[in-house]
Amino acid sequence: MISIRFTPFFLSVVVLASLAAVATLPAAEEVINGIAAIVNGDVVTFSQVRELVAAQQKSVSEIYHGEELQAKIKEMREHAVRDLIDRDLMLQEFKKKEFNIPAYIVDDSIQRIIRQEFGGDRTAFVKTLQAQGYTMARFRDNEKDKITVQAMRQSKTSENVIVSPVKIREFYEQHRDSYSTPAQVKLRMIVLKEGEGAASGSSDASTASSISKKQMAAEIREKLTGGAEFDRLAQMYSEDSTNESGGDWGWVERKTLNEEIAKIAFSLKTSEISPVIPLDNAYYILMVEAVKPAVTKPLSEVQQEIVQRLVQEEKLKTQDRWLKELRNKAYIKIL
């Protein structure tokens, strides 16, 4: 595959545009590329498939290896073949209907690319195309095909899709969690671990070895209930990574904490000190500085967002039904 130096946006324009042009190739080129599929006499080539999945293949190769990687690549290529078949069917349908894309629309699209990606410098744009093996005529044809595919998709979707209030309410109830913020507490914590000495700088460092951690935790809690500052004692005694910040865990949700600690943390009132909590060879003392209750956005606040999503889903369903009809009427052979 040719090395592309375009910016991400321009790369997508070039690649997607080039893939839209699924034309019949000369016999010699078919042999070199290989034929992945036949669509009413036109062909989808292996080179087009490889180009479409190139970026994805590079990404998955960093995650998967061996047989698993080969399976992923096979799956991506099969999906790419289906996409290219659909593109070809739409282009053929456009031609059969004798529709036309005005030249000015293609010109405007190319000018927009030149403005956005080359600062309006047409010469730089043309030189870049040439460096990548593109002629202006070829790029223009590819861009026209891309616009054609978009136009055919849009022509099969109504702008007057109506979503019933019942569907809106059903979607809201099914996805209520997406519109909710769970309860949170602003938490401070002192942790004493069995088998570790008192934190350096503690006034009791010399006697720490003779005092059990359980007893030490009880004494610390007594000091806290007597009015000692939590952050000060956390700096002195706590044996977890938050000791320097006074045991500050910030705002936390229930799911981020151990179940037993979460149960106690979310039952505390503001500024209340928890009992000493023995857990996994350690002792925990908690204090909640503030509480944020769970909040769910009302339907009235998210209704427009839901409507837009449901309208888009309905449009995609309409497009899928139309493409299925085209496939059923076409001669398609995947090789």
C-alpha atoms as a PDB file:
ATOM      1  CA  MET A   1       0.000   0.000   0.000  1.00  0.00           C
ATOM      2  CA  ILE A   2       1.234   3.507  -0.812  1.00  0.00           C
ATOM      3  CA  SER A   3       2.469   5.436   2.212  1.00  0.00           C
ATOM      4  CA  ILE A   4       0.028   8.275   2.845  1.00  0.00           C
ATOM      5  CA  ARG A   5       1.230  11.480   4.460  1.00  0.00           C
ATOM      6  CA  PHE A   6      -2.103  13.273   4.492  1.00  0.00           C
ATOM      7  CA  THR A   7      -3.637  14.526   7.706  1.00  0.00           C
ATOM      8  CA  PRO A   8      -6.205  12.152   9.259  1.00  0.00           C
ATOM      9  CA  PHE A   9      -9.200  13.989   7.787  1.00  0.00           C
ATOM     10  CA  PHE A  10      -7.731  14.169   4.321  1.00  0.00           C
ATOM     11  CA  LEU A  11      -6.598  10.555   4.506  1.00  0.00           C
ATOM     12  CA  SER A  12     -10.155   9.462   5.213  1.00  0.00           C
ATOM     13  CA  VAL A  13     -11.413  11.537   2.295  1.00  0.00           C
ATOM     14  CA  VAL A  14      -8.930   9.981  -0.125  1.00  0.00           C
ATOM     15  CA  VAL A  15      -9.351   6.410   1.085  1.00  0.00           C
ATOM     16  CA  LEU A  16     -13.140   6.454   1.285  1.00  0.00           C
ATOM     17  CA  ALA A  17     -13.425   8.202  -2.032  1.00  0.00           C
ATOM     18  CA  SER A  18     -11.163   5.762  -3.779  1.00  0.00           C
ATOM     19  CA  LEU A  19     -13.082   2.829  -2.356  1.00  0.00           C
ATOM     20  CA  ALA A  20     -16.354   4.157  -3.707  1.00  0.00           C
ATOM     21  CA  ALA A  21     -15.140   3.679  -7.279  1.00  0.00           C
ATOM     22  CA  VAL A  22     -15.718  -0.022  -7.829  1.00  0.00           C
ATOM     23  CA  ALA A  23     -15.330  -0.237 -11.596  1.00  0.00           C
ATOM     24  CA  THR A  24     -14.704  -3.051 -14.078  1.00  0.00           C
ATOM     25  CA  LEU A  25     -10.940  -3.511 -14.511  1.00  0.00           C
ATOM     26  CA  PRO A  26      -8.903  -4.651 -17.508  1.00  0.00           C
ATOM     27  CA  ALA A  27      -8.072  -8.347 -17.520  1.00  0.00           C
ATOM     28  CA  ALA A  28      -4.378  -7.805 -16.700  1.00  0.00           C
ATOM     29  CA  GLU A  29      -5.192  -5.683 -13.635  1.00  0.00           C
ATOM     30  CA  GLU A  30      -7.709  -8.263 -12.426  1.00  0.00           C
ATOM     31  CA  VAL A  31      -4.982 -10.876 -12.390  1.00  0.00           C
ATOM     32  CA  ILE A  32      -2.619  -8.620 -10.455  1.00  0.00           C
ATOM     33  CA  ASN A  33      -5.188  -7.499  -7.880  1.00  0.00           C
ATOM     34  CA  GLY A  34      -7.386 -10.543  -7.723  1.00  0.00           C
ATOM     35  CA  ILE A  35     -11.182 -10.378  -7.634  1.00  0.00           C
ATOM     36  CA  ALA A  36     -12.864 -10.406  -4.221  1.00  0.00           C
ATOM     37  CA  ALA A  37     -16.444 -10.144  -5.502  1.00  0.00           C
ATOM     38  CA  ILE A  38     -18.556  -9.613  -8.608  1.00  0.00           C
ATOM     39  CA  VAL A  39     -21.500  -7.215  -8.494  1.00  0.00           C
ATOM     40  CA  ASN A  40     -23.695  -7.235 -11.597  1.00  0.00           C
ATOM     41  CA  GLY A  41     -20.610  -7.479 -13.799  1.00  0.00           C
ATOM     42  CA  ASP A  42     -18.485  -4.988 -11.887  1.00  0.00           C
ATOM     43  CA  VAL A  43     -15.749  -6.246  -9.611  1.00  0.00           C
ATOM     44  CA  VAL A  44     -14.447  -5.592  -6.119  1.00  0.00           C
ATOM     45  CA  THR A  45     -10.690  -6.174  -6.037  1.00  0.00           C
ATOM     46  CA  PHE A  46      -8.484  -7.477  -3.263  1.00  0.00           C
ATOM     47  CA  SER A  47      -6.440  -4.278  -3.421  1.00  0.00           C
ATOM     48  CA  GLN A  48      -9.548  -2.249  -2.583  1.00  0.00           C
ATOM     49  CA  VAL A  49     -10.328  -4.535   0.328  1.00  0.00           C
ATOM     50  CA  ARG A  50      -6.771  -4.321   1.661  1.00  0.00           C
ATOM     51  CA  GLU A  51      -6.805  -0.543   1.371  1.00  0.00           C
ATOM     52  CA  LEU A  52     -10.074  -0.276   3.271  1.00  0.00           C
ATOM     53  CA  VAL A  53      -8.862  -2.361   6.221  1.00  0.00           C
ATOM     54  CA  ALA A  54      -5.244  -1.140   6.278  1.00  0.00           C
ATOM     55  CA  ALA A  55      -5.652   1.283   9.186  1.00  0.00           C
ATOM     56  CA  GLN A  56      -7.773  -1.155  11.215  1.00  0.00           C
ATOM     57  CA  GLN A  57      -5.371  -4.003  10.522  1.00  0.00           C
ATOM     58  CA  LYS A  58      -2.468  -1.977  11.874  1.00  0.00           C
ATOM     59  CA  SER A  59      -4.409  -1.256  15.058  1.00  0.00           C
ATOM     60  CA  VAL A  60      -5.521  -4.824  15.743  1.00  0.00           C
ATOM     61  CA  SER A  61      -2.012  -6.164  15.055  1.00  0.00           C
ATOM     62  CA  GLU A  62      -0.863  -4.246  18.125  1.00  0.00           C
ATOM     63  CA  ILE A  63      -3.450  -6.068  20.269  1.00  0.00           C
ATOM     64  CA  TYR A  64      -3.850  -9.548  18.771  1.00  0.00           C
ATOM     65  CA  HIS A  65      -1.322 -12.113  17.556  1.00  0.00           C
ATOM     66  CA  GLY A  66      -1.151 -15.473  15.835  1.00  0.00           C
ATOM     67  CA  GLU A  67      -4.401 -17.244  14.966  1.00  0.00           C
ATOM     68  CA  GLU A  68      -6.490 -14.665  16.836  1.00  0.00           C
ATOM     69  CA  LEU A  69      -5.004 -11.871  14.715  1.00  0.00           C
ATOM     70  CA  GLN A  70      -5.646 -13.816  11.500  1.00  0.00           C
ATOM     71  CA  ALA A  71      -9.261 -14.377  12.547  1.00  0.00           C
ATOM     72  CA  LYS A  72      -9.710 -10.635  13.217  1.00  0.00           C
ATOM     73  CA  ILE A  73      -8.183  -9.713   9.847  1.00  0.00           C
ATOM     74  CA  LYS A  74     -10.431 -12.212   8.071  1.00  0.00           C
ATOM     75  CA  GLU A  75     -13.479 -10.751   9.809  1.00  0.00           C
ATOM     76  CA  MET A  76     -12.481  -7.185   8.856  1.00  0.00           C
ATOM     77  CA  ARG A  77     -11.900  -8.136   5.225  1.00  0.00           C
ATOM     78  CA  GLU A  78     -15.261  -9.886   4.987  1.00  0.00           C
ATOM     79  CA  HIS A  79     -16.926  -6.778   6.393  1.00  0.00           C
ATOM     80  CA  ALA A  80     -14.989  -4.584   3.932  1.00  0.00           C
ATOM     81  CA  VAL A  81     -16.137  -6.722   0.992  1.00  0.00           C
ATOM     82  CA  ARG A  82     -19.766  -6.273   2.075  1.00  0.00           C
ATOM     83  CA  ASP A  83     -19.280  -2.516   2.378  1.00  0.00           C
ATOM     84  CA  LEU A  84     -17.713  -2.312  -1.086  1.00  0.00           C
ATOM     85  CA  ILE A  85     -20.537  -4.381  -2.577  1.00  0.00           C
ATOM     86  CA  ASP A  86     -23.088  -1.986  -1.073  1.00  0.00           C
ATOM     87  CA  ARG A  87     -21.201   0.996  -2.447  1.00  0.00           C
ATOM     88  CA  ASP A  88     -21.149  -0.518  -5.910  1.00  0.00           C
ATOM     89  CA  LEU A  89     -24.865  -1.301  -5.771  1.00  0.00           C
ATOM     90  CA  MET A  90     -25.638   2.315  -4.848  1.00  0.00           C
ATOM     91  CA  LEU A  91     -23.481   3.649  -7.671  1.00  0.00           C
ATOM     92  CA  GLN A  92     -25.158   1.307 -10.136  1.00  0.00           C
ATOM     93  CA  GLU A  93     -28.620   2.305  -8.905  1.00  0.00           C
ATOM     94  CA  PHE A  94     -27.703   5.975  -9.299  1.00  0.00           C
ATOM     95  CA  LYS A  95     -26.604   5.356 -12.878  1.00  0.00           C
ATOM     96  CA  LYS A  96     -29.708   3.284 -13.685  1.00  0.00           C
ATOM     97  CA  LYS A  97     -31.971   6.080 -12.419  1.00  0.00           C
ATOM     98  CA  GLU A  98     -30.061   8.517 -14.668  1.00  0.00           C
ATOM     99  CA  PHE A  99     -29.480  10.883 -11.782  1.00  0.00           C
ATOM    100  CA  ASN A 100     -26.728  13.469 -11.949  1.00  0.00           C
ATOM    101  CA  ILE A 101     -24.366  15.173  -9.541  1.00  0.00           C
ATOM    102  CA  PRO A 102     -23.836  18.773 -10.697  1.00  0.00           C
ATOM    103  CA  ALA A 103     -20.198  19.634 -11.343  1.00  0.00           C
ATOM    104  CA  TYR A 104     -20.312  22.559  -8.924  1.00  0.00           C
ATOM    105  CA  ILE A 105     -21.054  20.220  -5.996  1.00  0.00           C
ATOM    106  CA  VAL A 106     -17.908  18.227  -6.713  1.00  0.00           C
ATOM    107  CA  ASP A 107     -15.960  21.459  -7.178  1.00  0.00           C
ATOM    108  CA  ASP A 108     -17.205  22.790  -3.845  1.00  0.00           C
ATOM    109  CA  SER A 109     -16.214  19.569  -2.085  1.00  0.00           C
ATOM    110  CA  ILE A 110     -12.688  19.687  -3.502  1.00  0.00           C
ATOM    111  CA  GLN A 111     -12.340  23.381  -2.671  1.00  0.00           C
ATOM    112  CA  ARG A 112     -13.403  22.640   0.905  1.00  0.00           C
ATOM    113  CA  ILE A 113     -10.649  20.016   1.185  1.00  0.00           C
ATOM    114  CA  ILE A 114      -8.091  22.461  -0.208  1.00  0.00           C
ATOM    115  CA  ARG A 115      -9.174  25.139   2.289  1.00  0.00           C
ATOM    116  CA  GLN A 116      -9.292  22.859   5.304  1.00  0.00           C
ATOM    117  CA  GLU A 117      -6.227  20.717   4.647  1.00  0.00           C
ATOM    118  CA  PHE A 118      -3.932  22.927   2.582  1.00  0.00           C
ATOM    119  CA  GLY A 119      -4.801  26.435   3.722  1.00  0.00           C
ATOM    120  CA  GLY A 120      -6.250  27.221   0.303  1.00  0.00           C
ATOM    121  CA  ASP A 121      -3.017  26.337  -1.531  1.00  0.00           C
ATOM    122  CA  ARG A 122      -4.208  24.457  -4.630  1.00  0.00           C
ATOM    123  CA  THR A 123      -0.663  23.914  -5.896  1.00  0.00           C
ATOM    124  CA  ALA A 124       0.304  22.124  -2.685  1.00  0.00           C
ATOM    125  CA  PHE A 125      -2.841  20.013  -2.968  1.00  0.00           C
ATOM    126  CA  VAL A 126      -2.063  18.942  -6.555  1.00  0.00           C
ATOM    127  CA  LYS A 127       1.567  18.156  -5.703  1.00  0.00           C
ATOM    128  CA  THR A 128       0.460  16.024  -2.775  1.00  0.00           C
ATOM    129  CA  LEU A 129      -1.950  14.102  -4.998  1.00  0.00           C
ATOM    130  CA  GLN A 130       0.796  13.488  -7.540  1.00  0.00           C
ATOM    131  CA  ALA A 131       3.192  12.313  -4.826  1.00  0.00           C
ATOM    132  CA  GLN A 132       0.620   9.720  -3.788  1.00  0.00           C
ATOM    133  CA  GLY A 133      -0.046   8.528  -7.329  1.00  0.00           C
ATOM    134  CA  TYR A 134      -3.329  10.395  -7.824  1.00  0.00           C
ATOM    135  CA  THR A 135      -4.240  12.533 -10.818  1.00  0.00           C
ATOM    136  CA  MET A 136      -6.695  15.375 -10.331  1.00  0.00           C
ATOM    137  CA  ALA A 137      -9.104  13.632 -12.716  1.00  0.00           C
ATOM    138  CA  ARG A 138      -8.988  10.415 -10.702  1.00  0.00           C
ATOM    139  CA  PHE A 139      -9.451  12.234  -7.413  1.00  0.00           C
ATOM    140  CA  ARG A 140     -12.356  14.183  -8.881  1.00  0.00           C
ATOM    141  CA  ASP A 141     -14.054  10.973 -10.052  1.00  0.00           C
ATOM    142  CA  ASN A 142     -13.538   9.385  -6.638  1.00  0.00           C
ATOM    143  CA  GLU A 143     -14.942  12.415  -4.883  1.00  0.00           C
ATOM    144  CA  LYS A 144     -17.962  12.370  -7.188  1.00  0.00           C
ATOM    145  CA  ASP A 145     -18.579   8.706  -6.352  1.00  0.00           C
ATOM    146  CA  LYS A 146     -18.331   9.435  -2.637  1.00  0.00           C
ATOM    147  CA  ILE A 147     -20.879  12.241  -2.959  1.00  0.00           C
ATOM    148  CA  THR A 148     -23.102   9.945  -5.030  1.00  0.00           C
ATOM    149  CA  VAL A 149     -23.110   7.274  -2.318  1.00  0.00           C
ATOM    150  CA  GLN A 150     -23.993   9.872   0.325  1.00  0.00           C
ATOM    151  CA  ALA A 151     -26.771  11.280  -1.869  1.00  0.00           C
ATOM    152  CA  MET A 152     -28.266   7.838  -2.512  1.00  0.00           C
ATOM    153  CA  ARG A 153     -28.305   7.061   1.205  1.00  0.00           C
ATOM    154  CA  GLN A 154     -29.958  10.367   2.029  1.00  0.00           C
ATOM    155  CA  SER A 155     -32.536   9.967  -0.730  1.00  0.00           C
ATOM    156  CA  LYS A 156     -33.830   6.854   1.009  1.00  0.00           C
ATOM    157  CA  THR A 157     -34.451   8.506   4.348  1.00  0.00           C
ATOM    158  CA  SER A 158     -37.354  10.774   5.121  1.00  0.00           C
ATOM    159  CA  GLU A 159     -36.758  14.074   6.885  1.00  0.00           C
ATOM    160  CA  ASN A 160     -40.192  13.734   8.500  1.00  0.00           C
ATOM    161  CA  VAL A 161     -39.587  10.759  10.759  1.00  0.00           C
ATOM    162  CA  ILE A 162     -42.011  10.949  13.678  1.00  0.00           C
ATOM    163  CA  VAL A 163     -41.132   9.318  16.987  1.00  0.00           C
ATOM    164  CA  SER A 164     -44.058   8.520  19.246  1.00  0.00           C
ATOM    165  CA  PRO A 165     -44.055   9.669  22.888  1.00  0.00           C
ATOM    166  CA  VAL A 166     -44.418   6.006  23.888  1.00  0.00           C
ATOM    167  CA  LYS A 167     -41.134   5.084  22.184  1.00  0.00           C
ATOM    168  CA  ILE A 168     -39.394   8.068  23.759  1.00  0.00           C
ATOM    169  CA  ARG A 169     -40.571   7.036  27.215  1.00  0.00           C
ATOM    170  CA  GLU A 170     -39.599   3.394  26.630  1.00  0.00           C
ATOM    171  CA  PHE A 171     -36.101   4.395  25.505  1.00  0.00           C
ATOM    172  CA  TYR A 172     -35.690   6.673  28.513  1.00  0.00           C
ATOM    173  CA  GLU A 173     -36.702   3.931  30.956  1.00  0.00           C
ATOM    174  CA  GLN A 174     -34.457   1.347  29.278  1.00  0.00           C
ATOM    175  CA  HIS A 175     -31.457   3.695  29.346  1.00  0.00           C
ATOM    176  CA  ARG A 176     -32.136   5.527  32.599  1.00  0.00           C
ATOM    177  CA  ASP A 177     -28.621   4.755  33.871  1.00  0.00           C
ATOM    178  CA  SER A 178     -27.172   6.731  30.953  1.00  0.00           C
ATOM    179  CA  TYR A 179     -28.928   9.839  32.227  1.00  0.00           C
ATOM    180  CA  SER A 180     -28.066   9.319  35.897  1.00  0.00           C
ATOM    181  CA  THR A 181     -25.151  10.411  38.057  1.00  0.00           C
ATOM    182  CA  PRO A 182     -24.609   7.943  40.923  1.00  0.00           C
ATOM    183  CA  ALA A 183     -24.316   9.050  44.533  1.00  0.00           C
ATOM    184  CA  GLN A 184     -20.827  10.188  45.586  1.00  0.00           C
ATOM    185  CA  VAL A 185     -19.051  10.955  48.850  1.00  0.00           C
ATOM    186  CA  LYS A 186     -15.998  13.124  49.420  1.00  0.00           C
ATOM    187  CA  LEU A 187     -13.948  10.696  51.442  1.00  0.00           C
ATOM    188  CA  ARG A 188     -10.937  10.782  53.739  1.00  0.00           C
ATOM    189  CA  MET A 189      -9.378   7.578  55.000  1.00  0.00           C
ATOM    190  CA  ILE A 190      -6.724   6.422  57.468  1.00  0.00           C
ATOM    191  CA  VAL A 191      -5.283   2.954  56.820  1.00  0.00           C
ATOM    192  CA  LEU A 192      -3.145   0.971  59.250  1.00  0.00           C
ATOM    193  CA  LYS A 193      -1.628  -2.265  57.948  1.00  0.00           C
ATOM    194  CA  GLU A 194      -0.584  -5.210  60.068  1.00  0.00           C
ATOM    195  CA  GLY A 195       3.160  -5.806  59.923  1.00  0.00           C
ATOM    196  CA  GLU A 196       4.141  -2.224  59.089  1.00  0.00           C
ATOM    197  CA  GLY A 197       5.589   0.358  61.483  1.00  0.00           C
ATOM    198  CA  ALA A 198       4.165   3.765  62.212  1.00  0.00           C
ATOM    199  CA  ALA A 199       4.621   6.420  59.558  1.00  0.00           C
ATOM    200  CA  SER A 200       7.852   8.348  59.791  1.00  0.00           C
ATOM    201  CA  GLY A 201       7.492  11.620  61.639  1.00  0.00           C
ATOM    202  CA  SER A 202       4.934  10.205  64.096  1.00  0.00           C
ATOM    203  CA  SER A 203       5.329  11.242  67.740  1.00  0.00           C
ATOM    204  CA  ASP A 204       4.644   7.609  68.706  1.00  0.00           C
ATOM    205  CA  ALA A 205       7.240   6.088  66.362  1.00  0.00           C
ATOM    206  CA  SER A 206       9.429   4.808  69.214  1.00  0.00           C
ATOM    207  CA  THR A 207       6.588   2.721  70.744  1.00  0.00           C
ATOM    208  CA  ALA A 208       4.823   1.635  67.509  1.00  0.00           C
ATOM    209  CA  SER A 209       6.324  -1.844  67.569  1.00  0.00           C
ATOM    210  CA  SER A 210       4.802  -2.607  70.998  1.00  0.00           C
ATOM    211  CA  ILE A 211       1.318  -1.391  70.155  1.00  0.00           C
ATOM    212  CA  SER A 212      -0.969  -3.529  67.985  1.00  0.00           C
ATOM    213  CA  LYS A 213      -2.415  -1.860  64.902  1.00  0.00           C
ATOM    214  CA  LYS A 214      -5.896  -2.558  66.162  1.00  0.00           C
ATOM    215  CA  GLN A 215      -5.182  -0.717  69.396  1.00  0.00           C
ATOM    216  CA  MET A 216      -3.473   2.104  67.504  1.00  0.00           C
ATOM    217  CA  ALA A 217      -6.499   2.477  65.225  1.00  0.00           C
ATOM    218  CA  ALA A 218      -8.793   2.657  68.239  1.00  0.00           C
ATOM    219  CA  GLU A 219      -6.643   5.385  69.785  1.00  0.00           C
ATOM    220  CA  ILE A 220      -6.555   7.369  66.549  1.00  0.00           C
ATOM    221  CA  ARG A 221     -10.322   7.176  66.281  1.00  0.00           C
ATOM    222  CA  GLU A 222     -10.665   8.378  69.854  1.00  0.00           C
ATOM    223  CA  LYS A 223      -8.504  11.396  69.032  1.00  0.00           C
ATOM    224  CA  LEU A 224     -10.648  12.105  65.951  1.00  0.00           C
ATOM    225  CA  THR A 225     -13.906  11.955  67.892  1.00  0.00           C
ATOM    226  CA  GLY A 226     -12.296  14.246  70.455  1.00  0.00           C
ATOM    227  CA  GLY A 227     -11.776  16.930  67.809  1.00  0.00           C
ATOM    228  CA  ALA A 228      -8.370  16.134  66.265  1.00  0.00           C
ATOM    229  CA  GLU A 229      -7.973  17.094  62.612  1.00  0.00           C
ATOM    230  CA  PHE A 230      -8.435  14.092  60.330  1.00  0.00           C
ATOM    231  CA  ASP A 231      -5.957  15.225  57.674  1.00  0.00           C
ATOM    232  CA  ARG A 232      -3.280  15.862  60.315  1.00  0.00           C
ATOM    233  CA  LEU A 233      -3.580  12.361  61.818  1.00  0.00           C
ATOM    234  CA  ALA A 234      -3.740  10.796  58.361  1.00  0.00           C
ATOM    235  CA  GLN A 235      -0.421  12.442  57.489  1.00  0.00           C
ATOM    236  CA  MET A 236       1.075  11.123  60.714  1.00  0.00           C
ATOM    237  CA  TYR A 237      -0.271   7.569  60.807  1.00  0.00           C
ATOM    238  CA  SER A 238      -1.920   6.442  57.590  1.00  0.00           C
ATOM    239  CA  GLU A 239      -0.021   3.787  55.635  1.00  0.00           C
ATOM    240  CA  ASP A 240      -1.584   4.149  52.199  1.00  0.00           C
ATOM    241  CA  SER A 241      -0.662   6.307  49.216  1.00  0.00           C
ATOM    242  CA  THR A 242      -2.951   9.181  50.235  1.00  0.00           C
ATOM    243  CA  ASN A 243      -1.239   9.920  53.554  1.00  0.00           C
ATOM    244  CA  GLU A 244       0.642  12.969  52.250  1.00  0.00           C
ATOM    245  CA  SER A 245      -2.651  14.530  51.148  1.00  0.00           C
ATOM    246  CA  GLY A 246      -4.230  13.881  54.532  1.00  0.00           C
ATOM    247  CA  GLY A 247      -6.003  10.686  53.449  1.00  0.00           C
ATOM    248  CA  ASP A 248      -7.973  12.555  50.775  1.00  0.00           C
ATOM    249  CA  TRP A 249      -9.655  10.172  48.294  1.00  0.00           C
ATOM    250  CA  GLY A 250     -11.688  12.930  46.678  1.00  0.00           C
ATOM    251  CA  TRP A 251     -15.158  12.254  45.297  1.00  0.00           C
ATOM    252  CA  VAL A 252     -15.803   8.519  44.942  1.00  0.00           C
ATOM    253  CA  GLU A 253     -18.694   6.379  43.759  1.00  0.00           C
ATOM    254  CA  ARG A 254     -19.853   3.260  45.558  1.00  0.00           C
ATOM    255  CA  LYS A 255     -18.544   0.950  42.821  1.00  0.00           C
ATOM    256  CA  THR A 256     -14.942   2.202  43.251  1.00  0.00           C
ATOM    257  CA  LEU A 257     -14.729   0.993  46.857  1.00  0.00           C
ATOM    258  CA  ASN A 258     -14.597  -2.387  48.529  1.00  0.00           C
ATOM    259  CA  GLU A 259     -18.172  -3.489  49.217  1.00  0.00           C
ATOM    260  CA  GLU A 260     -17.801  -3.420  53.023  1.00  0.00           C
ATOM    261  CA  ILE A 261     -16.080  -0.038  53.053  1.00  0.00           C
ATOM    262  CA  ALA A 262     -18.600   1.365  50.577  1.00  0.00           C
ATOM    263  CA  LYS A 263     -21.498   0.232  52.770  1.00  0.00           C
ATOM    264  CA  ILE A 264     -20.126   2.166  55.737  1.00  0.00           C
ATOM    265  CA  ALA A 265     -18.881   5.183  53.752  1.00  0.00           C
ATOM    266  CA  PHE A 266     -22.279   5.765  52.183  1.00  0.00           C
ATOM    267  CA  SER A 267     -24.057   5.431  55.517  1.00  0.00           C
ATOM    268  CA  LEU A 268     -22.006   8.167  57.219  1.00  0.00           C
ATOM    269  CA  LYS A 269     -23.265  11.675  57.746  1.00  0.00           C
ATOM    270  CA  THR A 270     -21.105  14.668  56.849  1.00  0.00           C
ATOM    271  CA  SER A 271     -18.057  14.937  59.188  1.00  0.00           C
ATOM    272  CA  GLU A 272     -19.002  11.706  60.962  1.00  0.00           C
ATOM    273  CA  ILE A 273     -16.135   9.369  61.901  1.00  0.00           C
ATOM    274  CA  SER A 274     -16.618   5.688  61.113  1.00  0.00           C
ATOM    275  CA  PRO A 275     -15.897   2.839  63.510  1.00  0.00           C
ATOM    276  CA  VAL A 276     -12.565   1.082  62.995  1.00  0.00           C
ATOM    277  CA  ILE A 277     -13.104  -1.309  60.072  1.00  0.00           C
ATOM    278  CA  PRO A 278     -10.960  -4.490  60.133  1.00  0.00           C
ATOM    279  CA  LEU A 279     -10.452  -5.756  56.580  1.00  0.00           C
ATOM    280  CA  ASP A 280      -7.749  -7.915  54.950  1.00  0.00           C
ATOM    281  CA  ASN A 281      -5.062  -7.477  57.618  1.00  0.00           C
ATOM    282  CA  ALA A 282      -5.619  -3.746  57.820  1.00  0.00           C
ATOM    283  CA  TYR A 283      -7.723  -1.263  59.784  1.00  0.00           C
ATOM    284  CA  TYR A 284      -9.644   1.588  58.176  1.00  0.00           C
ATOM    285  CA  ILE A 285     -11.069   4.781  59.618  1.00  0.00           C
ATOM    286  CA  LEU A 286     -13.297   6.859  57.363  1.00  0.00           C
ATOM    287  CA  MET A 287     -14.667  10.369  57.355  1.00  0.00           C
ATOM    288  CA  VAL A 288     -17.096  11.782  54.818  1.00  0.00           C
ATOM    289  CA  GLU A 289     -16.611  15.491  54.167  1.00  0.00           C
ATOM    290  CA  ALA A 290     -19.563  15.938  51.818  1.00  0.00           C
ATOM    291  CA  VAL A 291     -22.267  13.966  50.036  1.00  0.00           C
ATOM    292  CA  LYS A 292     -23.713  14.207  46.526  1.00  0.00           C
ATOM    293  CA  PRO A 293     -26.962  12.255  46.165  1.00  0.00           C
ATOM    294  CA  ALA A 294     -27.724  10.294  43.015  1.00  0.00           C
ATOM    295  CA  VAL A 295     -29.319  12.474  40.335  1.00  0.00           C
ATOM    296  CA  THR A 296     -31.289  11.375  37.278  1.00  0.00           C
ATOM    297  CA  LYS A 297     -31.980  13.924  34.559  1.00  0.00           C
ATOM    298  CA  PRO A 298     -35.718  14.252  33.951  1.00  0.00           C
ATOM    299  CA  LEU A 299     -37.150  13.111  30.623  1.00  0.00           C
ATOM    300  CA  SER A 300     -37.952  16.698  29.692  1.00  0.00           C
ATOM    301  CA  GLU A 301     -34.255  17.561  29.840  1.00  0.00           C
ATOM    302  CA  VAL A 302     -33.045  14.713  27.603  1.00  0.00           C
ATOM    303  CA  GLN A 303     -36.076  14.261  25.355  1.00  0.00           C
ATOM    304  CA  GLN A 304     -34.616  16.109  22.365  1.00  0.00           C
ATOM    305  CA  GLU A 305     -31.431  14.031  22.568  1.00  0.00           C
ATOM    306  CA  ILE A 306     -33.496  10.837  22.632  1.00  0.00           C
ATOM    307  CA  VAL A 307     -35.628  11.972  19.689  1.00  0.00           C
ATOM    308  CA  GLN A 308     -32.525  12.681  17.590  1.00  0.00           C
ATOM    309  CA  ARG A 309     -31.105   9.265  18.396  1.00  0.00           C
ATOM    310  CA  LEU A 310     -34.331   7.423  17.584  1.00  0.00           C
ATOM    311  CA  VAL A 311     -34.760   9.384  14.341  1.00  0.00           C
ATOM    312  CA  GLN A 312     -31.219   8.469  13.293  1.00  0.00           C
ATOM    313  CA  GLU A 313     -31.836   4.810  14.138  1.00  0.00           C
ATOM    314  CA  GLU A 314     -35.011   4.809  12.044  1.00  0.00           C
ATOM    315  CA  LYS A 315     -33.185   6.378   9.107  1.00  0.00           C
ATOM    316  CA  LEU A 316     -30.484   3.717   9.296  1.00  0.00           C
ATOM    317  CA  LYS A 317     -33.147   0.997   9.372  1.00  0.00           C
ATOM    318  CA  THR A 318     -34.735   2.489   6.245  1.00  0.00           C
ATOM    319  CA  GLN A 319     -31.371   2.533   4.485  1.00  0.00           C
ATOM    320  CA  ASP A 320     -30.698  -1.059   5.514  1.00  0.00           C
ATOM    321  CA  ARG A 321     -34.059  -2.204   4.118  1.00  0.00           C
ATOM    322  CA  TRP A 322     -33.332  -0.433   0.838  1.00  0.00           C
ATOM    323  CA  LEU A 323     -29.860  -1.958   0.561  1.00  0.00           C
ATOM    324  CA  LYS A 324     -31.306  -5.386   1.288  1.00  0.00           C
ATOM    325  CA  GLU A 325     -33.709  -4.919  -1.640  1.00  0.00           C
ATOM    326  CA  LEU A 326     -30.811  -3.953  -3.911  1.00  0.00           C
ATOM    327  CA  ARG A 327     -28.851  -7.031  -2.842  1.00  0.00           C
ATOM    328  CA  ASN A 328     -31.811  -9.317  -3.409  1.00  0.00           C
ATOM    329  CA  LYS A 329     -32.265  -8.039  -6.961  1.00  0.00           C
ATOM    330  CA  ALA A 330     -28.546  -8.086  -7.843  1.00  0.00           C
ATOM    331  CA  TYR A 331     -26.176 -10.770  -9.036  1.00  0.00           C
ATOM    332  CA  ILE A 332     -23.500 -10.886  -6.332  1.00  0.00           C
ATOM    333  CA  LYS A 333     -20.770 -13.460  -6.117  1.00  0.00           C
ATOM    334  CA  ILE A 334     -18.156 -13.334  -3.359  1.00  0.00           C
ATOM    335  CA  LEU A 335     -15.020 -15.231  -4.391  1.00  0.00           C
END
